Amino acid sequence: MSDFEGLDLQAVEDQMEADADAGGSNRVVLGVLDGSTADDEWLEMVENGVVLVLNVDGDLNELASGFARPVKESGGELMHFRGFLVVTPPGVSIDTDRL
């Protein structure tokens, strides 16, 4: 029996389209947090459902101060881990159980 028997690909595609229509992007953006990208640009990505993984190049508190509070207030999460800042939109949690 095939592993794909019973898998309703149309239902999966429909759900992905519904998630995209609801603002979810199913994207992870890798970038550098060094002050060269406007805070509003990072915030807009997170508001659109994007997960950010940013290499921190400088003082984290200073570099993230313009978007950290709005992300937290909207229900998103931020976590500094091994030189990276992970930023998730509302509804996407950061699981630290394995650390």
N, C-alpha and C. Protein backbone atom coordinates (compact mmCIF):
# COMPACT_ATOMS: atom_id res chain seq x y z
N MET A 1 0.84 -1.18 0.00
CA MET A 1 0.00 0.00 0.00
C MET A 1 0.89 1.24 0.00
N SER A 2 0.57 2.19 -0.83
CA SER A 2 1.33 3.43 -0.94
C SER A 2 1.14 4.29 0.31
N ASP A 3 2.20 5.00 0.71
CA ASP A 3 2.09 5.92 1.84
C ASP A 3 1.16 7.09 1.53
N PHE A 4 0.90 7.31 0.25
CA PHE A 4 0.09 8.45 -0.14
C PHE A 4 -1.39 8.11 -0.31
N GLU A 5 -1.75 6.84 -0.16
CA GLU A 5 -3.15 6.48 -0.26
C GLU A 5 -3.90 7.13 0.89
N GLY A 6 -5.00 7.71 0.56
CA GLY A 6 -5.80 8.36 1.61
C GLY A 6 -5.37 9.79 1.88
N LEU A 7 -4.26 10.23 1.29
CA LEU A 7 -3.82 11.61 1.47
C LEU A 7 -4.58 12.49 0.49
N ASP A 8 -5.33 13.41 1.02
CA ASP A 8 -6.15 14.29 0.19
C ASP A 8 -5.36 15.56 -0.12
N LEU A 9 -4.63 15.51 -1.23
CA LEU A 9 -3.79 16.65 -1.60
C LEU A 9 -4.62 17.90 -1.89
N GLN A 10 -5.79 17.74 -2.42
CA GLN A 10 -6.64 18.90 -2.69
C GLN A 10 -7.01 19.59 -1.39
N ALA A 11 -7.31 18.82 -0.35
CA ALA A 11 -7.65 19.41 0.94
C ALA A 11 -6.45 20.16 1.53
N VAL A 12 -5.26 19.61 1.36
CA VAL A 12 -4.05 20.28 1.84
C VAL A 12 -3.85 21.59 1.10
N GLU A 13 -3.98 21.57 -0.23
CA GLU A 13 -3.84 22.79 -1.02
C GLU A 13 -4.89 23.83 -0.63
N ASP A 14 -6.13 23.37 -0.42
CA ASP A 14 -7.19 24.28 -0.01
C ASP A 14 -6.87 24.94 1.32
N GLN A 15 -6.33 24.15 2.26
CA GLN A 15 -5.98 24.70 3.57
C GLN A 15 -4.84 25.70 3.45
N MET A 16 -3.84 25.40 2.61
CA MET A 16 -2.73 26.33 2.41
C MET A 16 -3.24 27.64 1.82
N GLU A 17 -4.17 27.56 0.87
CA GLU A 17 -4.75 28.76 0.28
C GLU A 17 -5.55 29.53 1.31
N ALA A 18 -6.29 28.83 2.16
CA ALA A 18 -7.07 29.49 3.21
C ALA A 18 -6.14 30.18 4.20
N ASP A 19 -5.04 29.52 4.56
CA ASP A 19 -4.07 30.13 5.47
C ASP A 19 -3.46 31.38 4.84
N ALA A 20 -3.13 31.30 3.56
CA ALA A 20 -2.56 32.46 2.87
C ALA A 20 -3.57 33.59 2.80
N ASP A 21 -4.84 33.26 2.53
CA ASP A 21 -5.88 34.28 2.48
C ASP A 21 -6.10 34.92 3.84
N ALA A 22 -5.84 34.17 4.90
CA ALA A 22 -6.01 34.69 6.27
C ALA A 22 -4.79 35.47 6.73
N GLY A 23 -3.80 35.62 5.87
CA GLY A 23 -2.62 36.41 6.22
C GLY A 23 -1.40 35.59 6.52
N GLY A 24 -1.52 34.28 6.60
CA GLY A 24 -0.36 33.44 6.85
C GLY A 24 0.50 33.33 5.61
N SER A 25 1.80 33.28 5.79
CA SER A 25 2.65 33.27 4.61
C SER A 25 3.44 31.97 4.46
N ASN A 26 3.51 31.17 5.53
CA ASN A 26 4.30 29.94 5.48
C ASN A 26 5.74 30.22 5.06
N ARG A 27 6.29 31.33 5.53
CA ARG A 27 7.66 31.70 5.15
C ARG A 27 8.52 31.92 6.39
N VAL A 28 9.79 31.62 6.21
CA VAL A 28 10.82 31.95 7.19
C VAL A 28 11.82 32.83 6.45
N VAL A 29 12.10 34.00 6.99
CA VAL A 29 13.04 34.92 6.36
C VAL A 29 14.31 34.97 7.20
N LEU A 30 15.44 34.72 6.56
CA LEU A 30 16.75 34.84 7.19
C LEU A 30 17.30 36.21 6.86
N GLY A 31 17.85 36.87 7.86
CA GLY A 31 18.39 38.20 7.61
C GLY A 31 19.42 38.59 8.66
N VAL A 32 19.90 39.81 8.53
CA VAL A 32 20.88 40.35 9.48
C VAL A 32 20.25 41.56 10.14
N LEU A 33 20.26 41.56 11.46
CA LEU A 33 19.76 42.69 12.23
C LEU A 33 20.96 43.57 12.56
N ASP A 34 21.15 44.61 11.74
CA ASP A 34 22.31 45.48 11.91
C ASP A 34 21.95 46.95 11.81
N GLY A 35 20.66 47.23 11.74
CA GLY A 35 20.21 48.61 11.65
C GLY A 35 19.99 49.08 10.22
N SER A 36 20.34 48.27 9.24
CA SER A 36 20.19 48.71 7.85
C SER A 36 18.77 48.50 7.31
N THR A 37 17.97 47.69 7.98
CA THR A 37 16.57 47.47 7.59
C THR A 37 15.67 48.21 8.56
N ALA A 38 14.72 48.95 8.03
CA ALA A 38 13.81 49.73 8.87
C ALA A 38 12.98 48.83 9.78
N ASP A 39 12.76 49.29 11.00
CA ASP A 39 11.94 48.54 11.96
C ASP A 39 10.56 48.22 11.38
N ASP A 40 9.98 49.16 10.66
CA ASP A 40 8.66 48.96 10.07
C ASP A 40 8.65 47.79 9.09
N GLU A 41 9.76 47.59 8.38
CA GLU A 41 9.83 46.49 7.43
C GLU A 41 9.81 45.14 8.15
N TRP A 42 10.60 45.02 9.25
CA TRP A 42 10.58 43.78 10.04
C TRP A 42 9.18 43.56 10.60
N LEU A 43 8.59 44.60 11.16
CA LEU A 43 7.28 44.50 11.78
C LEU A 43 6.21 44.09 10.76
N GLU A 44 6.27 44.67 9.57
CA GLU A 44 5.30 44.32 8.54
C GLU A 44 5.40 42.85 8.16
N MET A 45 6.62 42.33 8.07
CA MET A 45 6.79 40.91 7.74
C MET A 45 6.14 40.04 8.81
N VAL A 46 6.40 40.34 10.07
CA VAL A 46 5.84 39.54 11.17
C VAL A 46 4.32 39.66 11.17
N GLU A 47 3.81 40.85 10.93
CA GLU A 47 2.35 41.03 10.87
C GLU A 47 1.72 40.22 9.74
N ASN A 48 2.51 39.92 8.71
CA ASN A 48 2.03 39.13 7.57
C ASN A 48 2.30 37.64 7.75
N GLY A 49 2.69 37.24 8.96
CA GLY A 49 2.84 35.83 9.27
C GLY A 49 4.21 35.24 9.01
N VAL A 50 5.20 36.07 8.75
CA VAL A 50 6.55 35.59 8.46
C VAL A 50 7.31 35.36 9.77
N VAL A 51 8.06 34.27 9.83
CA VAL A 51 8.99 34.02 10.94
C VAL A 51 10.34 34.59 10.52
N LEU A 52 10.96 35.37 11.41
CA LEU A 52 12.27 35.96 11.13
C LEU A 52 13.34 35.24 11.93
N VAL A 53 14.46 34.95 11.29
CA VAL A 53 15.66 34.44 11.97
C VAL A 53 16.76 35.41 11.59
N LEU A 54 17.12 36.27 12.53
CA LEU A 54 18.02 37.38 12.25
C LEU A 54 19.35 37.23 12.98
N ASN A 55 20.43 37.27 12.23
CA ASN A 55 21.76 37.29 12.82
C ASN A 55 21.97 38.68 13.42
N VAL A 56 22.28 38.74 14.70
CA VAL A 56 22.41 40.02 15.39
C VAL A 56 23.83 40.53 15.24
N ASP A 57 23.96 41.70 14.60
CA ASP A 57 25.26 42.34 14.38
C ASP A 57 25.26 43.69 15.08
N GLY A 58 25.51 43.67 16.39
CA GLY A 58 25.49 44.88 17.19
C GLY A 58 24.75 44.64 18.49
N ASP A 59 24.31 45.72 19.12
CA ASP A 59 23.61 45.65 20.39
C ASP A 59 22.15 45.26 20.16
N LEU A 60 21.78 44.08 20.62
CA LEU A 60 20.44 43.55 20.38
C LEU A 60 19.37 44.49 20.89
N ASN A 61 19.50 44.98 22.11
CA ASN A 61 18.47 45.85 22.69
C ASN A 61 18.25 47.10 21.84
N GLU A 62 19.31 47.68 21.38
CA GLU A 62 19.21 48.87 20.54
C GLU A 62 18.61 48.55 19.17
N LEU A 63 19.07 47.46 18.56
CA LEU A 63 18.65 47.12 17.21
C LEU A 63 17.20 46.66 17.12
N ALA A 64 16.70 46.00 18.16
CA ALA A 64 15.33 45.46 18.13
C ALA A 64 14.32 46.36 18.84
N SER A 65 14.77 47.45 19.41
CA SER A 65 13.88 48.29 20.22
C SER A 65 12.71 48.86 19.43
N GLY A 66 12.86 49.06 18.15
CA GLY A 66 11.79 49.66 17.35
C GLY A 66 10.67 48.72 16.96
N PHE A 67 10.89 47.41 17.08
CA PHE A 67 9.83 46.48 16.68
C PHE A 67 9.52 45.41 17.73
N ALA A 68 10.35 45.26 18.73
CA ALA A 68 10.14 44.19 19.73
C ALA A 68 8.83 44.36 20.50
N ARG A 69 8.57 45.54 21.00
CA ARG A 69 7.35 45.76 21.79
C ARG A 69 6.08 45.52 20.96
N PRO A 70 5.97 46.09 19.75
CA PRO A 70 4.76 45.80 18.96
C PRO A 70 4.58 44.31 18.65
N VAL A 71 5.68 43.60 18.43
CA VAL A 71 5.57 42.15 18.18
C VAL A 71 5.00 41.47 19.41
N LYS A 72 5.56 41.77 20.59
CA LYS A 72 5.09 41.16 21.83
C LYS A 72 3.63 41.52 22.12
N GLU A 73 3.29 42.79 21.92
CA GLU A 73 1.93 43.25 22.21
C GLU A 73 0.90 42.60 21.28
N SER A 74 1.33 42.21 20.08
CA SER A 74 0.41 41.58 19.14
C SER A 74 0.28 40.08 19.38
N GLY A 75 1.08 39.54 20.30
CA GLY A 75 1.02 38.11 20.60
C GLY A 75 2.15 37.31 19.98
N GLY A 76 3.08 37.99 19.31
CA GLY A 76 4.24 37.31 18.74
C GLY A 76 5.28 37.03 19.81
N GLU A 77 6.32 36.33 19.42
CA GLU A 77 7.39 36.00 20.36
C GLU A 77 8.74 36.38 19.78
N LEU A 78 9.68 36.69 20.69
CA LEU A 78 11.06 36.97 20.32
C LEU A 78 11.96 36.16 21.24
N MET A 79 13.02 35.60 20.67
CA MET A 79 13.98 34.86 21.48
C MET A 79 15.38 35.04 20.90
N HIS A 80 16.31 35.39 21.75
CA HIS A 80 17.71 35.50 21.36
C HIS A 80 18.37 34.15 21.62
N PHE A 81 18.95 33.57 20.58
CA PHE A 81 19.54 32.24 20.71
C PHE A 81 20.81 32.17 19.87
N ARG A 82 21.94 32.00 20.54
CA ARG A 82 23.24 31.81 19.87
C ARG A 82 23.53 32.84 18.79
N GLY A 83 23.34 34.09 19.12
CA GLY A 83 23.66 35.16 18.18
C GLY A 83 22.56 35.48 17.19
N PHE A 84 21.43 34.79 17.30
CA PHE A 84 20.30 35.03 16.40
C PHE A 84 19.10 35.50 17.19
N LEU A 85 18.29 36.33 16.57
CA LEU A 85 17.01 36.72 17.13
C LEU A 85 15.94 36.03 16.30
N VAL A 86 15.14 35.19 16.97
CA VAL A 86 14.03 34.51 16.32
C VAL A 86 12.77 35.28 16.67
N VAL A 87 12.02 35.68 15.65
CA VAL A 87 10.82 36.47 15.84
C VAL A 87 9.67 35.75 15.15
N THR A 88 8.61 35.47 15.92
CA THR A 88 7.47 34.75 15.35
C THR A 88 6.20 35.59 15.45
N PRO A 89 5.31 35.40 14.50
CA PRO A 89 4.04 36.11 14.54
C PRO A 89 3.10 35.48 15.56
N PRO A 90 1.99 36.15 15.86
CA PRO A 90 1.00 35.55 16.76
C PRO A 90 0.57 34.19 16.25
N GLY A 91 0.43 33.25 17.17
CA GLY A 91 0.01 31.90 16.80
C GLY A 91 1.14 30.94 16.50
N VAL A 92 2.36 31.45 16.44
CA VAL A 92 3.52 30.58 16.21
C VAL A 92 4.40 30.69 17.44
N SER A 93 4.48 29.59 18.20
CA SER A 93 5.26 29.65 19.44
C SER A 93 6.67 29.10 19.21
N ILE A 94 7.57 29.56 20.05
CA ILE A 94 8.95 29.08 20.03
C ILE A 94 9.08 28.05 21.13
N ASP A 95 9.37 26.81 20.74
CA ASP A 95 9.47 25.70 21.69
C ASP A 95 10.92 25.59 22.16
N THR A 96 11.14 25.82 23.44
CA THR A 96 12.49 25.76 24.01
C THR A 96 12.70 24.51 24.87
N ASP A 97 11.83 23.55 24.77
CA ASP A 97 11.91 22.36 25.62
C ASP A 97 13.21 21.58 25.42
N ARG A 98 13.81 21.64 24.26
CA ARG A 98 15.01 20.84 23.98
C ARG A 98 16.31 21.58 24.27
N LEU A 99 16.22 22.79 24.77
CA LEU A 99 17.44 23.55 25.08
C LEU A 99 18.02 23.14 26.41
